[in-house]
C-alpha atoms as a PDB file:
ATOM      1  CA  MET A   1       0.000   0.000   0.000  1.00  0.00           C
ATOM      2  CA  ASN A   2       1.069   3.158  -1.006  1.00  0.00           C
ATOM      3  CA  THR A   3       0.362   5.870   1.554  1.00  0.00           C
ATOM      4  CA  PRO A   4       1.338   9.424   1.130  1.00  0.00           C
ATOM      5  CA  LEU A   5       4.187  10.519   3.410  1.00  0.00           C
ATOM      6  CA  SER A   6       3.812  13.471   5.677  1.00  0.00           C
ATOM      7  CA  ASP A   7       5.804  16.615   5.004  1.00  0.00           C
ATOM      8  CA  ALA A   8       8.016  15.938   8.022  1.00  0.00           C
ATOM      9  CA  ALA A   9       8.755  12.417   6.884  1.00  0.00           C
ATOM     10  CA  ARG A  10       9.584  13.615   3.402  1.00  0.00           C
ATOM     11  CA  GLU A  11      11.970  16.275   4.688  1.00  0.00           C
ATOM     12  CA  GLY A  12      14.083  13.697   6.390  1.00  0.00           C
ATOM     13  CA  PRO A  13      16.140  13.853   9.568  1.00  0.00           C
ATOM     14  CA  SER A  14      18.448  16.678   8.472  1.00  0.00           C
ATOM     15  CA  ARG A  15      15.641  19.271   8.382  1.00  0.00           C
ATOM     16  CA  ARG A  16      14.390  18.199  11.803  1.00  0.00           C
ATOM     17  CA  VAL A  17      17.873  18.463  13.297  1.00  0.00           C
ATOM     18  CA  MET A  18      18.281  21.961  11.887  1.00  0.00           C
ATOM     19  CA  ALA A  19      14.937  23.083  13.278  1.00  0.00           C
ATOM     20  CA  ALA A  20      15.778  21.650  16.692  1.00  0.00           C
ATOM     21  CA  GLY A  21      19.191  23.390  16.602  1.00  0.00           C
ATOM     22  CA  ALA A  22      17.533  26.733  15.895  1.00  0.00           C
ATOM     23  CA  VAL A  23      15.212  26.276  18.871  1.00  0.00           C
ATOM     24  CA  ILE A  24      18.147  25.391  21.141  1.00  0.00           C
ATOM     25  CA  ALA A  25      20.163  28.407  19.931  1.00  0.00           C
ATOM     26  CA  ALA A  26      17.214  30.714  20.662  1.00  0.00           C
ATOM     27  CA  LEU A  27      16.886  29.270  24.174  1.00  0.00           C
ATOM     28  CA  VAL A  28      20.618  29.715  24.872  1.00  0.00           C
ATOM     29  CA  LEU A  29      20.424  33.303  23.645  1.00  0.00           C
ATOM     30  CA  LEU A  30      17.489  34.026  25.949  1.00  0.00           C
ATOM     31  CA  ILE A  31      19.364  32.532  28.921  1.00  0.00           C
ATOM     32  CA  LEU A  32      22.450  34.642  28.191  1.00  0.00           C
ATOM     33  CA  LEU A  33      20.394  37.814  27.830  1.00  0.00           C
ATOM     34  CA  GLY A  34      18.629  37.054  31.087  1.00  0.00           C
ATOM     35  CA  ALA A  35      21.977  36.728  32.867  1.00  0.00           C
ATOM     36  CA  CYS A  36      22.947  40.224  31.727  1.00  0.00           C
ATOM     37  CA  ALA A  37      19.777  41.817  33.082  1.00  0.00           C
ATOM     38  CA  PRO A  38      20.122  43.602  36.470  1.00  0.00           C
ATOM     39  CA  THR A  39      18.687  41.796  39.439  1.00  0.00           C
ATOM     40  CA  ALA A  40      17.243  43.243  42.609  1.00  0.00           C
ATOM     41  CA  GLN A  41      19.163  40.924  44.926  1.00  0.00           C
ATOM     42  CA  ARG A  42      22.681  39.601  44.366  1.00  0.00           C
ATOM     43  CA  ASN A  43      24.763  37.443  46.576  1.00  0.00           C
ATOM     44  CA  GLY A  44      28.165  38.820  47.511  1.00  0.00           C
ATOM     45  CA  PRO A  45      29.550  42.360  47.521  1.00  0.00           C
ATOM     46  CA  PRO A  46      28.054  44.985  45.229  1.00  0.00           C
ATOM     47  CA  ALA A  47      29.645  45.296  41.832  1.00  0.00           C
ATOM     48  CA  MET A  48      32.083  48.153  41.266  1.00  0.00           C
ATOM     49  CA  THR A  49      31.212  50.444  38.400  1.00  0.00           C
ATOM     50  CA  ALA A  50      33.678  52.811  36.800  1.00  0.00           C
ATOM     51  CA  THR A  51      32.490  56.287  35.957  1.00  0.00           C
ATOM     52  CA  THR A  52      34.530  59.165  34.649  1.00  0.00           C
ATOM     53  CA  THR A  53      33.715  62.742  35.551  1.00  0.00           C
ATOM     54  CA  ALA A  54      35.715  65.917  35.202  1.00  0.00           C
ATOM     55  CA  ALA A  55      37.085  66.985  38.573  1.00  0.00           C
ATOM     56  CA  THR A  56      37.492  70.584  39.605  1.00  0.00           C
ATOM     57  CA  PRO A  57      40.360  71.718  41.834  1.00  0.00           C
ATOM     58  CA  ILE A  58      37.895  72.327  44.671  1.00  0.00           C
ATOM     59  CA  GLU A  59      36.758  68.694  44.539  1.00  0.00           C
ATOM     60  CA  LEU A  60      40.334  67.496  44.644  1.00  0.00           C
ATOM     61  CA  ALA A  61      41.571  69.678  47.493  1.00  0.00           C
ATOM     62  CA  PRO A  62      38.909  71.650  49.372  1.00  0.00           C
ATOM     63  CA  GLU A  63      41.448  72.849  51.937  1.00  0.00           C
ATOM     64  CA  LEU A  64      43.297  74.679  49.160  1.00  0.00           C
ATOM     65  CA  ALA A  65      40.152  76.460  48.042  1.00  0.00           C
ATOM     66  CA  ALA A  66      39.773  78.043  51.464  1.00  0.00           C
ATOM     67  CA  ARG A  67      43.219  79.662  51.319  1.00  0.00           C
ATOM     68  CA  ALA A  68      43.716  83.234  50.216  1.00  0.00           C
ATOM     69  CA  PRO A  69      44.998  83.677  46.647  1.00  0.00           C
ATOM     70  CA  ALA A  70      48.763  83.892  46.249  1.00  0.00           C
ATOM     71  CA  PRO A  71      50.122  87.434  46.040  1.00  0.00           C
ATOM     72  CA  GLU A  72      51.233  88.642  42.646  1.00  0.00           C
ATOM     73  CA  ILE A  73      54.955  88.534  42.047  1.00  0.00           C
ATOM     74  CA  THR A  74      56.266  91.867  40.906  1.00  0.00           C
ATOM     75  CA  VAL A  75      59.563  92.175  39.138  1.00  0.00           C
ATOM     76  CA  PRO A  76      61.504  95.274  40.090  1.00  0.00           C
ATOM     77  CA  PRO A  77      62.241  97.589  37.185  1.00  0.00           C
ATOM     78  CA  VAL A  78      65.648  97.285  35.553  1.00  0.00           C
ATOM     79  CA  ASP A  79      68.031 100.088  36.497  1.00  0.00           C
ATOM     80  CA  THR A  80      69.002 101.625  33.157  1.00  0.00           C
ATOM     81  CA  ASP A  81      71.134 104.414  34.638  1.00  0.00           C
ATOM     82  CA  PRO A  82      74.617 104.060  33.133  1.00  0.00           C
ATOM     83  CA  GLU A  83      76.112 105.820  36.187  1.00  0.00           C
ATOM     84  CA  GLN A  84      75.817 102.517  38.054  1.00  0.00           C
ATOM     85  CA  VAL A  85      78.992 101.252  36.358  1.00  0.00           C
ATOM     86  CA  VAL A  86      81.159 103.979  37.892  1.00  0.00           C
ATOM     87  CA  GLY A  87      83.156 102.463  40.752  1.00  0.00           C
ATOM     88  CA  LEU A  88      82.551  98.835  39.737  1.00  0.00           C
ATOM     89  CA  ASP A  89      85.594  96.581  39.562  1.00  0.00           C
ATOM     90  CA  ALA A  90      86.180  94.219  36.639  1.00  0.00           C
ATOM     91  CA  ALA A  91      84.147  91.409  38.226  1.00  0.00           C
ATOM     92  CA  GLY A  92      81.210  93.760  38.900  1.00  0.00           C
ATOM     93  CA  VAL A  93      81.205  95.014  35.313  1.00  0.00           C
ATOM     94  CA  ALA A  94      81.366  91.462  33.974  1.00  0.00           C
ATOM     95  CA  ALA A  95      78.459  90.447  36.240  1.00  0.00           C
ATOM     96  CA  LEU A  96      76.359  93.352  34.965  1.00  0.00           C
ATOM     97  CA  LEU A  97      77.245  93.400  31.257  1.00  0.00           C
ATOM     98  CA  GLY A  98      79.030  90.113  30.575  1.00  0.00           C
ATOM     99  CA  SER A  99      82.373  89.822  28.838  1.00  0.00           C
ATOM    100  CA  PRO A 100      83.449  92.848  26.806  1.00  0.00           C
ATOM    101  CA  GLY A 101      83.625  92.573  23.040  1.00  0.00           C
ATOM    102  CA  MET A 102      87.046  94.207  23.096  1.00  0.00           C
ATOM    103  CA  VAL A 103      89.638  95.225  25.707  1.00  0.00           C
ATOM    104  CA  ARG A 104      92.436  97.636  24.904  1.00  0.00           C
ATOM    105  CA  ARG A 105      95.086  99.387  26.976  1.00  0.00           C
ATOM    106  CA  GLU A 106      95.543 103.127  26.785  1.00  0.00           C
ATOM    107  CA  GLY A 107      98.405 104.105  29.064  1.00  0.00           C
ATOM    108  CA  PRO A 108      97.436 103.233  32.638  1.00  0.00           C
ATOM    109  CA  ALA A 109      93.835 102.488  31.658  1.00  0.00           C
ATOM    110  CA  GLN A 110      91.967  99.490  30.334  1.00  0.00           C
ATOM    111  CA  VAL A 111      89.110 100.315  27.968  1.00  0.00           C
ATOM    112  CA  TRP A 112      86.355  97.725  27.863  1.00  0.00           C
ATOM    113  CA  GLN A 113      84.052  98.017  24.882  1.00  0.00           C
ATOM    114  CA  TYR A 114      80.518  96.623  24.658  1.00  0.00           C
ATOM    115  CA  SER A 115      78.373  96.780  21.539  1.00  0.00           C
ATOM    116  CA  ARG A 116      74.757  95.583  21.406  1.00  0.00           C
ATOM    117  CA  LYS A 117      71.554  96.713  19.733  1.00  0.00           C
ATOM    118  CA  GLY A 118      73.169  99.726  18.064  1.00  0.00           C
ATOM    119  CA  CYS A 119      74.724 101.020  21.297  1.00  0.00           C
ATOM    120  CA  ILE A 120      78.469 101.171  21.954  1.00  0.00           C
ATOM    121  CA  ALA A 121      79.834 101.692  25.444  1.00  0.00           C
ATOM    122  CA  ASP A 122      83.456 102.380  26.317  1.00  0.00           C
ATOM    123  CA  LEU A 123      84.237 101.838  29.986  1.00  0.00           C
ATOM    124  CA  PHE A 124      87.526 103.280  31.249  1.00  0.00           C
ATOM    125  CA  LEU A 125      89.000 101.271  34.123  1.00  0.00           C
ATOM    126  CA  TYR A 126      91.967 102.547  36.167  1.00  0.00           C
ATOM    127  CA  THR A 127      93.831 101.245  39.190  1.00  0.00           C
ATOM    128  CA  ASP A 128      94.281 103.343  42.299  1.00  0.00           C
ATOM    129  CA  LYS A 129      97.740 104.710  43.226  1.00  0.00           C
ATOM    130  CA  ALA A 130      98.415 101.709  45.453  1.00  0.00           C
ATOM    131  CA  GLY A 131      98.073  99.375  42.446  1.00  0.00           C
ATOM    132  CA  GLY A 132      94.715  97.914  43.533  1.00  0.00           C
ATOM    133  CA  PRO A 133      92.184  96.330  41.197  1.00  0.00           C
ATOM    134  CA  PHE A 134      90.932  98.121  38.094  1.00  0.00           C
ATOM    135  CA  SER A 135      87.599  99.913  38.471  1.00  0.00           C
ATOM    136  CA  VAL A 136      85.434 102.068  36.216  1.00  0.00           C
ATOM    137  CA  VAL A 137      86.226 105.755  36.484  1.00  0.00           C
ATOM    138  CA  TYR A 138      84.537 107.039  33.338  1.00  0.00           C
ATOM    139  CA  TYR A 139      82.227 105.754  30.584  1.00  0.00           C
ATOM    140  CA  GLU A 140      81.119 106.956  27.188  1.00  0.00           C
ATOM    141  CA  LEU A 141      78.025 105.848  25.260  1.00  0.00           C
ATOM    142  CA  ARG A 142      77.415 106.366  21.553  1.00  0.00           C
ATOM    143  CA  GLU A 143      75.086 105.020  18.906  1.00  0.00           C
ATOM    144  CA  GLY A 144      76.492 103.041  16.002  1.00  0.00           C
ATOM    145  CA  GLN A 145      80.040 102.746  14.753  1.00  0.00           C
ATOM    146  CA  GLY A 146      81.754 106.147  14.813  1.00  0.00           C
ATOM    147  CA  GLY A 147      78.657 107.830  16.250  1.00  0.00           C
ATOM    148  CA  THR A 148      78.876 110.878  18.454  1.00  0.00           C
ATOM    149  CA  ALA A 149      78.719 110.554  22.201  1.00  0.00           C
ATOM    150  CA  LEU A 150      75.253 110.551  23.743  1.00  0.00           C
ATOM    151  CA  THR A 151      74.734 113.344  26.226  1.00  0.00           C
ATOM    152  CA  VAL A 152      70.981 113.398  26.826  1.00  0.00           C
ATOM    153  CA  SER A 153      70.097 111.256  29.845  1.00  0.00           C
ATOM    154  CA  THR A 154      67.120 109.520  28.173  1.00  0.00           C
ATOM    155  CA  ALA A 155      69.236 108.612  25.127  1.00  0.00           C
ATOM    156  CA  GLN A 156      71.959 107.248  27.407  1.00  0.00           C
ATOM    157  CA  ARG A 157      69.418 105.194  29.378  1.00  0.00           C
ATOM    158  CA  GLY A 158      67.904 103.727  26.220  1.00  0.00           C
ATOM    159  CA  CYS A 159      71.313 102.837  24.858  1.00  0.00           C
ATOM    160  CA  PHE A 160      72.441 101.334  28.181  1.00  0.00           C
ATOM    161  CA  ALA A 161      69.219  99.330  28.470  1.00  0.00           C
ATOM    162  CA  GLY A 162      70.131  97.620  25.190  1.00  0.00           C
ATOM    163  CA  LEU A 163      73.527  96.679  26.652  1.00  0.00           C
ATOM    164  CA  LEU A 164      71.865  95.142  29.711  1.00  0.00           C
ATOM    165  CA  GLU A 165      69.845  92.757  27.534  1.00  0.00           C
ATOM    166  CA  ARG A 166      72.456  90.061  27.113  1.00  0.00           C
ATOM    167  CA  PRO A 167      71.737  86.946  25.056  1.00  0.00           C
ATOM    168  CA  GLY A 168      70.661  84.082  27.312  1.00  0.00           C
ATOM    169  CA  THR A 169      69.356  86.324  30.091  1.00  0.00           C
ATOM    170  CA  VAL A 170      65.798  87.072  31.020  1.00  0.00           C
END
């Protein structure tokens, strides 16, 4: 007798296995998703969660916020009066202006020459009668090579200020 086969019988075992596998995969997926869902009661210590927020200095150190602000630091003005070189010994001149660009001897004197920013200074250093160290007795400031001596105080100060600004200093 020839009886018609059902659709399931005709499909064979491979189709049934695939359908059963799909059902099992869906169940496993539902179980995994359920494990990720938050629960009201957990056994053990509470889970640590990491959050990132921008902190302000007050949050980090409240005791610092209560302090008075730091006073402003004021820098004293630079003394641009060229008269300050008179009486300085060689070490004092070198500390103020650095090494001279040229040193020459004129009789009993040493002439130290500085040239920066269009200003030329000649410092005349002499020893005392006892033969002590050389010190500045006289100075002359002029602008540019072969320029005439500066006599106006403001021109001298401007020229001398340029000499004070040595490379590598603040």
